Amino acid sequence: MSALTLIAILIALAIFGWAIWFVIELIRYVSSGEYEIDKRLREISQ
């Protein structure tokens, strides 16, 4: 395996890991009710 392939795999794994973390955090944020509070605060401030 060449160094370029290894670097590409590591970058792909980092991006994939970040994407999984992002989806989990987004689900947690919406399900916790914070999204509804933030939406109401945005409506009040406009």
PDB file of N, CA and C in Angstrom:
ATOM      1  N   MET A   1       0.854  -1.182   0.000  1.00  0.00           N
ATOM      2  CA  MET A   1       0.000   0.000   0.000  1.00  0.00           C
ATOM      3  C   MET A   1       0.900   1.245   0.000  1.00  0.00           C
ATOM      4  N   SER A   2       0.627   2.131  -0.907  1.00  0.00           N
ATOM      5  CA  SER A   2       1.467   3.323  -1.012  1.00  0.00           C
ATOM      6  C   SER A   2       1.061   4.349   0.042  1.00  0.00           C
ATOM      7  N   ALA A   3       1.923   5.294   0.268  1.00  0.00           N
ATOM      8  CA  ALA A   3       1.667   6.344   1.262  1.00  0.00           C
ATOM      9  C   ALA A   3       0.461   7.184   0.852  1.00  0.00           C
ATOM     10  N   LEU A   4       0.320   7.420  -0.452  1.00  0.00           N
ATOM     11  CA  LEU A   4      -0.809   8.227  -0.941  1.00  0.00           C
ATOM     12  C   LEU A   4      -2.136   7.529  -0.650  1.00  0.00           C
ATOM     13  N   THR A   5      -2.179   6.223  -0.852  1.00  0.00           N
ATOM     14  CA  THR A   5      -3.390   5.456  -0.558  1.00  0.00           C
ATOM     15  C   THR A   5      -3.701   5.502   0.935  1.00  0.00           C
ATOM     16  N   LEU A   6      -2.681   5.370   1.754  1.00  0.00           N
ATOM     17  CA  LEU A   6      -2.869   5.413   3.203  1.00  0.00           C
ATOM     18  C   LEU A   6      -3.404   6.768   3.655  1.00  0.00           C
ATOM     19  N   ILE A   7      -2.842   7.834   3.101  1.00  0.00           N
ATOM     20  CA  ILE A   7      -3.310   9.185   3.438  1.00  0.00           C
ATOM     21  C   ILE A   7      -4.758   9.368   2.995  1.00  0.00           C
ATOM     22  N   ALA A   8      -5.096   8.886   1.800  1.00  0.00           N
ATOM     23  CA  ALA A   8      -6.466   9.010   1.295  1.00  0.00           C
ATOM     24  C   ALA A   8      -7.436   8.238   2.184  1.00  0.00           C
ATOM     25  N   ILE A   9      -7.043   7.053   2.633  1.00  0.00           N
ATOM     26  CA  ILE A   9      -7.903   6.259   3.524  1.00  0.00           C
ATOM     27  C   ILE A   9      -8.097   6.971   4.858  1.00  0.00           C
ATOM     28  N   LEU A  10      -7.015   7.529   5.399  1.00  0.00           N
ATOM     29  CA  LEU A  10      -7.126   8.246   6.676  1.00  0.00           C
ATOM     30  C   LEU A  10      -8.027   9.473   6.560  1.00  0.00           C
ATOM     31  N   ILE A  11      -7.902  10.208   5.466  1.00  0.00           N
ATOM     32  CA  ILE A  11      -8.767  11.379   5.252  1.00  0.00           C
ATOM     33  C   ILE A  11     -10.223  10.945   5.104  1.00  0.00           C
ATOM     34  N   ALA A  12     -10.450   9.875   4.343  1.00  0.00           N
ATOM     35  CA  ALA A  12     -11.818   9.373   4.151  1.00  0.00           C
ATOM     36  C   ALA A  12     -12.414   8.917   5.480  1.00  0.00           C
ATOM     37  N   LEU A  13     -11.617   8.242   6.307  1.00  0.00           N
ATOM     38  CA  LEU A  13     -12.103   7.802   7.621  1.00  0.00           C
ATOM     39  C   LEU A  13     -12.427   8.991   8.524  1.00  0.00           C
ATOM     40  N   ALA A  14     -11.602  10.027   8.463  1.00  0.00           N
ATOM     41  CA  ALA A  14     -11.860  11.223   9.273  1.00  0.00           C
ATOM     42  C   ALA A  14     -13.163  11.897   8.840  1.00  0.00           C
ATOM     43  N   ILE A  15     -13.375  12.022   7.544  1.00  0.00           N
ATOM     44  CA  ILE A  15     -14.605  12.641   7.043  1.00  0.00           C
ATOM     45  C   ILE A  15     -15.817  11.782   7.398  1.00  0.00           C
ATOM     46  N   PHE A  16     -15.678  10.465   7.233  1.00  0.00           N
ATOM     47  CA  PHE A  16     -16.771   9.552   7.557  1.00  0.00           C
ATOM     48  C   PHE A  16     -17.096   9.602   9.051  1.00  0.00           C
ATOM     49  N   GLY A  17     -16.089   9.644   9.876  1.00  0.00           N
ATOM     50  CA  GLY A  17     -16.292   9.738  11.323  1.00  0.00           C
ATOM     51  C   GLY A  17     -16.978  11.031  11.706  1.00  0.00           C
ATOM     52  N   TRP A  18     -16.562  12.131  11.078  1.00  0.00           N
ATOM     53  CA  TRP A  18     -17.195  13.416  11.362  1.00  0.00           C
ATOM     54  C   TRP A  18     -18.659  13.388  10.934  1.00  0.00           C
ATOM     55  N   ALA A  19     -18.950  12.779   9.784  1.00  0.00           N
ATOM     56  CA  ALA A  19     -20.330  12.719   9.284  1.00  0.00           C
ATOM     57  C   ALA A  19     -21.220  11.926  10.241  1.00  0.00           C
ATOM     58  N   ILE A  20     -20.710  10.815  10.754  1.00  0.00           N
ATOM     59  CA  ILE A  20     -21.486  10.020  11.713  1.00  0.00           C
ATOM     60  C   ILE A  20     -21.733  10.831  12.982  1.00  0.00           C
ATOM     61  N   TRP A  21     -20.681  11.489  13.489  1.00  0.00           N
ATOM     62  CA  TRP A  21     -20.829  12.328  14.689  1.00  0.00           C
ATOM     63  C   TRP A  21     -21.860  13.433  14.445  1.00  0.00           C
ATOM     64  N   PHE A  22     -21.816  14.075  13.266  1.00  0.00           N
ATOM     65  CA  PHE A  22     -22.735  15.157  12.945  1.00  0.00           C
ATOM     66  C   PHE A  22     -24.181  14.673  12.963  1.00  0.00           C
ATOM     67  N   VAL A  23     -24.441  13.520  12.350  1.00  0.00           N
ATOM     68  CA  VAL A  23     -25.806  12.984  12.299  1.00  0.00           C
ATOM     69  C   VAL A  23     -26.296  12.642  13.702  1.00  0.00           C
ATOM     70  N   ILE A  24     -25.440  12.018  14.508  1.00  0.00           N
ATOM     71  CA  ILE A  24     -25.830  11.671  15.880  1.00  0.00           C
ATOM     72  C   ILE A  24     -26.144  12.928  16.691  1.00  0.00           C
ATOM     73  N   GLU A  25     -25.283  13.942  16.585  1.00  0.00           N
ATOM     74  CA  GLU A  25     -25.517  15.186  17.319  1.00  0.00           C
ATOM     75  C   GLU A  25     -26.758  15.913  16.821  1.00  0.00           C
ATOM     76  N   LEU A  26     -27.030  15.879  15.513  1.00  0.00           N
ATOM     77  CA  LEU A  26     -28.219  16.517  14.964  1.00  0.00           C
ATOM     78  C   LEU A  26     -29.476  15.844  15.497  1.00  0.00           C
ATOM     79  N   ILE A  27     -29.485  14.510  15.519  1.00  0.00           N
ATOM     80  CA  ILE A  27     -30.632  13.772  16.067  1.00  0.00           C
ATOM     81  C   ILE A  27     -30.814  14.100  17.546  1.00  0.00           C
ATOM     82  N   ARG A  28     -29.709  14.153  18.309  1.00  0.00           N
ATOM     83  CA  ARG A  28     -29.784  14.474  19.727  1.00  0.00           C
ATOM     84  C   ARG A  28     -30.320  15.891  19.937  1.00  0.00           C
ATOM     85  N   TYR A  29     -29.876  16.842  19.120  1.00  0.00           N
ATOM     86  CA  TYR A  29     -30.305  18.235  19.228  1.00  0.00           C
ATOM     87  C   TYR A  29     -31.800  18.381  18.956  1.00  0.00           C
ATOM     88  N   VAL A  30     -32.278  17.749  17.900  1.00  0.00           N
ATOM     89  CA  VAL A  30     -33.695  17.864  17.545  1.00  0.00           C
ATOM     90  C   VAL A  30     -34.559  17.143  18.585  1.00  0.00           C
ATOM     91  N   SER A  31     -34.132  15.957  19.023  1.00  0.00           N
ATOM     92  CA  SER A  31     -34.953  15.180  19.959  1.00  0.00           C
ATOM     93  C   SER A  31     -34.946  15.761  21.366  1.00  0.00           C
ATOM     94  N   SER A  32     -33.949  16.587  21.707  1.00  0.00           N
ATOM     95  CA  SER A  32     -33.882  17.152  23.058  1.00  0.00           C
ATOM     96  C   SER A  32     -34.850  18.318  23.231  1.00  0.00           C
ATOM     97  N   GLY A  33     -35.366  18.853  22.142  1.00  0.00           N
ATOM     98  CA  GLY A  33     -36.283  19.985  22.233  1.00  0.00           C
ATOM     99  C   GLY A  33     -35.586  21.319  22.087  1.00  0.00           C
ATOM    100  N   GLU A  34     -34.266  21.334  22.051  1.00  0.00           N
ATOM    101  CA  GLU A  34     -33.549  22.600  21.900  1.00  0.00           C
ATOM    102  C   GLU A  34     -33.876  23.265  20.570  1.00  0.00           C
ATOM    103  N   TYR A  35     -34.128  22.455  19.537  1.00  0.00           N
ATOM    104  CA  TYR A  35     -34.446  23.010  18.224  1.00  0.00           C
ATOM    105  C   TYR A  35     -35.721  23.845  18.292  1.00  0.00           C
ATOM    106  N   GLU A  36     -36.731  23.337  18.978  1.00  0.00           N
ATOM    107  CA  GLU A  36     -37.991  24.082  19.099  1.00  0.00           C
ATOM    108  C   GLU A  36     -37.782  25.394  19.844  1.00  0.00           C
ATOM    109  N   ILE A  37     -36.980  25.370  20.902  1.00  0.00           N
ATOM    110  CA  ILE A  37     -36.698  26.589  21.668  1.00  0.00           C
ATOM    111  C   ILE A  37     -35.965  27.600  20.790  1.00  0.00           C
ATOM    112  N   ASP A  38     -34.933  27.131  20.068  1.00  0.00           N
ATOM    113  CA  ASP A  38     -34.180  28.030  19.192  1.00  0.00           C
ATOM    114  C   ASP A  38     -35.067  28.603  18.094  1.00  0.00           C
ATOM    115  N   LYS A  39     -35.998  27.790  17.578  1.00  0.00           N
ATOM    116  CA  LYS A  39     -36.893  28.261  16.521  1.00  0.00           C
ATOM    117  C   LYS A  39     -37.797  29.364  17.067  1.00  0.00           C
ATOM    118  N   ARG A  40     -38.314  29.179  18.283  1.00  0.00           N
ATOM    119  CA  ARG A  40     -39.170  30.201  18.891  1.00  0.00           C
ATOM    120  C   ARG A  40     -38.390  31.483  19.161  1.00  0.00           C
ATOM    121  N   LEU A  41     -37.154  31.349  19.638  1.00  0.00           N
ATOM    122  CA  LEU A  41     -36.335  32.534  19.902  1.00  0.00           C
ATOM    123  C   LEU A  41     -36.036  33.296  18.620  1.00  0.00           C
ATOM    124  N   ARG A  42     -35.816  32.575  17.512  1.00  0.00           N
ATOM    125  CA  ARG A  42     -35.589  33.226  16.226  1.00  0.00           C
ATOM    126  C   ARG A  42     -36.836  34.000  15.788  1.00  0.00           C
ATOM    127  N   GLU A  43     -38.006  33.405  16.006  1.00  0.00           N
ATOM    128  CA  GLU A  43     -39.259  34.081  15.609  1.00  0.00           C
ATOM    129  C   GLU A  43     -39.484  35.338  16.439  1.00  0.00           C
ATOM    130  N   ILE A  44     -39.146  35.289  17.736  1.00  0.00           N
ATOM    131  CA  ILE A  44     -39.327  36.460  18.604  1.00  0.00           C
ATOM    132  C   ILE A  44     -38.378  37.573  18.198  1.00  0.00           C
ATOM    133  N   SER A  45     -37.144  37.238  17.865  1.00  0.00           N
ATOM    134  CA  SER A  45     -36.132  38.252  17.594  1.00  0.00           C
ATOM    135  C   SER A  45     -36.297  38.917  16.231  1.00  0.00           C
ATOM    136  N   GLN A  46     -37.137  38.376  15.370  1.00  0.00           N
ATOM    137  CA  GLN A  46     -37.296  38.986  14.035  1.00  0.00           C
ATOM    138  C   GLN A  46     -38.297  40.103  14.050  1.00  0.00           C
TER     139      GLN A  46
END
